[in-house]
Amino acid sequence: MSPNAKRQLIAVAAMAVAGGALAYVALGDIDENLVYYWEPQELLARGEAGIGKPVRLGGVVKNESVDFDEQSLELTFAVGIAPEQGGPTVNVNATGAPPQMFREGIGVVVEGKYDGATFAADRVLVKHSNEYRAPEDDAAVDAGELAETLAQD
């Protein structure tokens, strides 16, 4: 075997080893590094496969489900897609003060893990309107109209 062919064989072998190592690092345990976005019915449909996985759970805060303890900063509520129409809901526990715009009936995305009974949220995000309408000069601001801009999708 010529010295040139030997160098080429070593280079190909080194590239194969480097490629294999890169593939292992990139694809090894990739499921542990993914964060899925699921709605409550999708999370519940996963059964055992949804337990303990990092998830972003999106839905609407169910009316009359919010409980916030100001002493312990413990927030509990239920999230569903159509909770007022009897759709499936997931109970959520979060620690810390809720976002300022948090309320019943608002769209939320919570990040955390589901244990099979309760979703432990590390983060609570609320959906809000991104439209800002400045009042006209010397115009009085109507509180009802202002609230309507926040309720629009």
C-alpha atoms as a PDB file:
ATOM      1  CA  MET A   1       0.000   0.000   0.000  1.00  0.00           C
ATOM      2  CA  SER A   2       1.392   3.353  -0.982  1.00  0.00           C
ATOM      3  CA  PRO A   3       1.952   6.067   1.650  1.00  0.00           C
ATOM      4  CA  ASN A   4      -0.625   8.301  -0.115  1.00  0.00           C
ATOM      5  CA  ALA A   5      -3.310   5.585   0.000  1.00  0.00           C
ATOM      6  CA  LYS A   6      -2.477   4.946   3.652  1.00  0.00           C
ATOM      7  CA  ARG A   7      -3.002   8.643   4.503  1.00  0.00           C
ATOM      8  CA  GLN A   8      -6.308   8.662   2.625  1.00  0.00           C
ATOM      9  CA  LEU A   9      -7.494   5.578   4.515  1.00  0.00           C
ATOM     10  CA  ILE A  10      -6.548   7.168   7.858  1.00  0.00           C
ATOM     11  CA  ALA A  11      -8.339  10.414   6.878  1.00  0.00           C
ATOM     12  CA  VAL A  12     -11.525   8.530   5.885  1.00  0.00           C
ATOM     13  CA  ALA A  13     -11.427   6.534   9.130  1.00  0.00           C
ATOM     14  CA  ALA A  14     -10.936   9.713  11.194  1.00  0.00           C
ATOM     15  CA  MET A  15     -13.843  11.414   9.402  1.00  0.00           C
ATOM     16  CA  ALA A  16     -16.062   8.373  10.010  1.00  0.00           C
ATOM     17  CA  VAL A  17     -15.223   8.384  13.733  1.00  0.00           C
ATOM     18  CA  ALA A  18     -15.800  12.160  13.971  1.00  0.00           C
ATOM     19  CA  GLY A  19     -19.091  11.849  12.063  1.00  0.00           C
ATOM     20  CA  GLY A  20     -20.242   9.025  14.339  1.00  0.00           C
ATOM     21  CA  ALA A  21     -19.356  11.024  17.440  1.00  0.00           C
ATOM     22  CA  LEU A  22     -21.186  14.084  16.102  1.00  0.00           C
ATOM     23  CA  ALA A  23     -24.280  11.999  15.287  1.00  0.00           C
ATOM     24  CA  TYR A  24     -24.244  10.474  18.768  1.00  0.00           C
ATOM     25  CA  VAL A  25     -24.004  13.888  20.446  1.00  0.00           C
ATOM     26  CA  ALA A  26     -26.677  15.405  18.186  1.00  0.00           C
ATOM     27  CA  LEU A  27     -29.176  12.553  18.309  1.00  0.00           C
ATOM     28  CA  GLY A  28     -28.398  10.835  21.604  1.00  0.00           C
ATOM     29  CA  ASP A  29     -31.172  11.421  24.150  1.00  0.00           C
ATOM     30  CA  ILE A  30     -32.761  14.008  21.881  1.00  0.00           C
ATOM     31  CA  ASP A  31     -36.170  13.251  23.383  1.00  0.00           C
ATOM     32  CA  GLU A  32     -34.911  14.469  26.767  1.00  0.00           C
ATOM     33  CA  ASN A  33     -34.018  17.861  25.271  1.00  0.00           C
ATOM     34  CA  LEU A  34     -37.282  18.539  23.432  1.00  0.00           C
ATOM     35  CA  VAL A  35     -40.069  20.675  24.878  1.00  0.00           C
ATOM     36  CA  TYR A  36     -43.444  19.842  23.360  1.00  0.00           C
ATOM     37  CA  TYR A  37     -46.412  22.213  23.035  1.00  0.00           C
ATOM     38  CA  TRP A  38     -49.578  20.303  23.839  1.00  0.00           C
ATOM     39  CA  GLU A  39     -53.152  21.199  24.576  1.00  0.00           C
ATOM     40  CA  PRO A  40     -54.833  19.502  27.578  1.00  0.00           C
ATOM     41  CA  GLN A  41     -56.512  16.762  25.527  1.00  0.00           C
ATOM     42  CA  GLU A  42     -53.181  15.921  23.854  1.00  0.00           C
ATOM     43  CA  LEU A  43     -51.382  15.722  27.197  1.00  0.00           C
ATOM     44  CA  LEU A  44     -54.080  13.508  28.691  1.00  0.00           C
ATOM     45  CA  ALA A  45     -54.168  11.301  25.564  1.00  0.00           C
ATOM     46  CA  ARG A  46     -50.419  10.591  25.940  1.00  0.00           C
ATOM     47  CA  GLY A  47     -51.042   8.762  29.198  1.00  0.00           C
ATOM     48  CA  GLU A  48     -47.781   7.416  30.650  1.00  0.00           C
ATOM     49  CA  ALA A  49     -45.763   8.917  27.769  1.00  0.00           C
ATOM     50  CA  GLY A  50     -46.720  12.450  28.889  1.00  0.00           C
ATOM     51  CA  ILE A  51     -45.650  12.003  32.498  1.00  0.00           C
ATOM     52  CA  GLY A  52     -42.403  13.691  33.509  1.00  0.00           C
ATOM     53  CA  LYS A  53     -41.700  15.236  30.088  1.00  0.00           C
ATOM     54  CA  PRO A  54     -40.965  18.965  29.818  1.00  0.00           C
ATOM     55  CA  VAL A  55     -44.089  20.424  28.188  1.00  0.00           C
ATOM     56  CA  ARG A  56     -45.642  23.738  27.273  1.00  0.00           C
ATOM     57  CA  LEU A  57     -49.339  23.338  27.993  1.00  0.00           C
ATOM     58  CA  GLY A  58     -51.658  25.800  26.278  1.00  0.00           C
ATOM     59  CA  GLY A  59     -55.297  26.521  26.926  1.00  0.00           C
ATOM     60  CA  VAL A  60     -57.791  28.726  28.735  1.00  0.00           C
ATOM     61  CA  VAL A  61     -58.001  29.220  32.512  1.00  0.00           C
ATOM     62  CA  LYS A  62     -61.233  27.639  33.690  1.00  0.00           C
ATOM     63  CA  ASN A  63     -63.662  29.968  35.479  1.00  0.00           C
ATOM     64  CA  GLU A  64     -63.891  29.562  39.259  1.00  0.00           C
ATOM     65  CA  SER A  65     -60.730  27.420  39.352  1.00  0.00           C
ATOM     66  CA  VAL A  66     -58.153  30.037  40.366  1.00  0.00           C
ATOM     67  CA  ASP A  67     -56.813  29.955  43.916  1.00  0.00           C
ATOM     68  CA  PHE A  68     -53.846  32.103  44.937  1.00  0.00           C
ATOM     69  CA  ASP A  69     -52.367  31.997  48.435  1.00  0.00           C
ATOM     70  CA  GLU A  70     -50.533  35.279  48.976  1.00  0.00           C
ATOM     71  CA  GLN A  71     -48.593  33.908  51.952  1.00  0.00           C
ATOM     72  CA  SER A  72     -47.013  30.915  50.214  1.00  0.00           C
ATOM     73  CA  LEU A  73     -47.329  32.351  46.666  1.00  0.00           C
ATOM     74  CA  GLU A  74     -49.004  29.084  45.644  1.00  0.00           C
ATOM     75  CA  LEU A  75     -51.200  29.416  42.533  1.00  0.00           C
ATOM     76  CA  THR A  76     -53.575  26.654  41.450  1.00  0.00           C
ATOM     77  CA  PHE A  77     -55.978  26.664  38.516  1.00  0.00           C
ATOM     78  CA  ALA A  78     -57.359  24.439  35.770  1.00  0.00           C
ATOM     79  CA  VAL A  79     -56.517  24.766  32.062  1.00  0.00           C
ATOM     80  CA  GLY A  80     -58.613  23.485  29.180  1.00  0.00           C
ATOM     81  CA  ILE A  81     -59.396  24.255  25.560  1.00  0.00           C
ATOM     82  CA  ALA A  82     -63.130  24.631  26.092  1.00  0.00           C
ATOM     83  CA  PRO A  83     -63.418  24.172  29.859  1.00  0.00           C
ATOM     84  CA  GLU A  84     -66.813  25.885  30.064  1.00  0.00           C
ATOM     85  CA  GLN A  85     -68.184  23.459  27.471  1.00  0.00           C
ATOM     86  CA  GLY A  86     -67.094  20.397  29.417  1.00  0.00           C
ATOM     87  CA  GLY A  87     -63.810  19.854  27.603  1.00  0.00           C
ATOM     88  CA  PRO A  88     -60.949  18.103  29.404  1.00  0.00           C
ATOM     89  CA  THR A  89     -58.971  20.154  31.882  1.00  0.00           C
ATOM     90  CA  VAL A  90     -55.611  19.770  33.587  1.00  0.00           C
ATOM     91  CA  ASN A  91     -55.016  21.044  37.122  1.00  0.00           C
ATOM     92  CA  VAL A  92     -51.966  23.303  37.360  1.00  0.00           C
ATOM     93  CA  ASN A  93     -49.834  24.222  40.380  1.00  0.00           C
ATOM     94  CA  ALA A  94     -47.401  27.114  40.128  1.00  0.00           C
ATOM     95  CA  THR A  95     -45.264  28.921  42.660  1.00  0.00           C
ATOM     96  CA  GLY A  96     -44.728  32.647  42.565  1.00  0.00           C
ATOM     97  CA  ALA A  97     -46.889  35.628  41.854  1.00  0.00           C
ATOM     98  CA  PRO A  98     -49.017  35.219  38.737  1.00  0.00           C
ATOM     99  CA  PRO A  99     -48.503  37.556  35.778  1.00  0.00           C
ATOM    100  CA  GLN A 100     -50.268  40.881  36.195  1.00  0.00           C
ATOM    101  CA  MET A 101     -52.853  40.132  33.497  1.00  0.00           C
ATOM    102  CA  PHE A 102     -53.614  36.602  34.776  1.00  0.00           C
ATOM    103  CA  ARG A 103     -57.320  35.944  35.332  1.00  0.00           C
ATOM    104  CA  GLU A 104     -60.063  33.408  34.697  1.00  0.00           C
ATOM    105  CA  GLY A 105     -60.994  32.904  31.049  1.00  0.00           C
ATOM    106  CA  ILE A 106     -57.660  34.139  29.645  1.00  0.00           C
ATOM    107  CA  GLY A 107     -55.407  32.126  27.362  1.00  0.00           C
ATOM    108  CA  VAL A 108     -52.264  30.802  29.043  1.00  0.00           C
ATOM    109  CA  VAL A 109     -49.190  28.761  28.263  1.00  0.00           C
ATOM    110  CA  VAL A 110     -47.619  27.026  31.249  1.00  0.00           C
ATOM    111  CA  GLU A 111     -44.204  25.385  31.145  1.00  0.00           C
ATOM    112  CA  GLY A 112     -43.418  22.462  33.394  1.00  0.00           C
ATOM    113  CA  LYS A 113     -44.035  18.744  33.899  1.00  0.00           C
ATOM    114  CA  TYR A 114     -47.121  16.581  34.390  1.00  0.00           C
ATOM    115  CA  ASP A 115     -47.070  13.903  37.096  1.00  0.00           C
ATOM    116  CA  GLY A 116     -50.255  12.118  36.029  1.00  0.00           C
ATOM    117  CA  ALA A 117     -52.555  14.154  38.267  1.00  0.00           C
ATOM    118  CA  THR A 118     -51.238  17.721  38.398  1.00  0.00           C
ATOM    119  CA  PHE A 119     -49.143  19.868  36.083  1.00  0.00           C
ATOM    120  CA  ALA A 120     -46.273  21.484  38.030  1.00  0.00           C
ATOM    121  CA  ALA A 121     -45.621  24.774  36.241  1.00  0.00           C
ATOM    122  CA  ASP A 122     -42.256  26.476  36.387  1.00  0.00           C
ATOM    123  CA  ARG A 123     -43.514  29.395  34.308  1.00  0.00           C
ATOM    124  CA  VAL A 124     -46.940  30.916  33.545  1.00  0.00           C
ATOM    125  CA  LEU A 125     -47.403  33.073  30.439  1.00  0.00           C
ATOM    126  CA  VAL A 126     -50.639  34.867  29.536  1.00  0.00           C
ATOM    127  CA  LYS A 127     -51.987  35.671  26.116  1.00  0.00           C
ATOM    128  CA  HIS A 128     -52.809  39.296  25.561  1.00  0.00           C
ATOM    129  CA  SER A 129     -53.596  41.623  22.728  1.00  0.00           C
ATOM    130  CA  ASN A 130     -50.580  43.161  21.062  1.00  0.00           C
ATOM    131  CA  GLU A 131     -52.586  46.085  19.718  1.00  0.00           C
ATOM    132  CA  TYR A 132     -52.131  49.481  21.238  1.00  0.00           C
ATOM    133  CA  ARG A 133     -54.553  52.204  20.321  1.00  0.00           C
ATOM    134  CA  ALA A 134     -53.538  55.563  21.662  1.00  0.00           C
ATOM    135  CA  PRO A 135     -56.424  57.812  22.635  1.00  0.00           C
ATOM    136  CA  GLU A 136     -57.041  60.757  20.399  1.00  0.00           C
ATOM    137  CA  ASP A 137     -55.997  64.174  21.675  1.00  0.00           C
ATOM    138  CA  ASP A 138     -58.261  65.419  24.479  1.00  0.00           C
ATOM    139  CA  ALA A 139     -60.393  62.264  24.274  1.00  0.00           C
ATOM    140  CA  ALA A 140     -61.546  60.525  27.425  1.00  0.00           C
ATOM    141  CA  VAL A 141     -60.465  56.917  27.750  1.00  0.00           C
ATOM    142  CA  ASP A 142     -63.423  54.537  28.018  1.00  0.00           C
ATOM    143  CA  ALA A 143     -62.503  51.706  30.412  1.00  0.00           C
ATOM    144  CA  GLY A 144     -64.903  49.286  28.679  1.00  0.00           C
ATOM    145  CA  GLU A 145     -63.307  49.955  25.298  1.00  0.00           C
ATOM    146  CA  LEU A 146     -59.861  49.513  26.803  1.00  0.00           C
ATOM    147  CA  ALA A 147     -60.865  46.160  28.316  1.00  0.00           C
ATOM    148  CA  GLU A 148     -62.292  45.094  24.946  1.00  0.00           C
ATOM    149  CA  THR A 149     -58.902  45.573  23.269  1.00  0.00           C
ATOM    150  CA  LEU A 150     -57.406  43.141  25.787  1.00  0.00           C
ATOM    151  CA  ALA A 151     -60.112  40.533  25.187  1.00  0.00           C
ATOM    152  CA  GLN A 152     -59.747  40.464  21.392  1.00  0.00           C
ATOM    153  CA  ASP A 153     -57.871  37.527  19.850  1.00  0.00           C
END
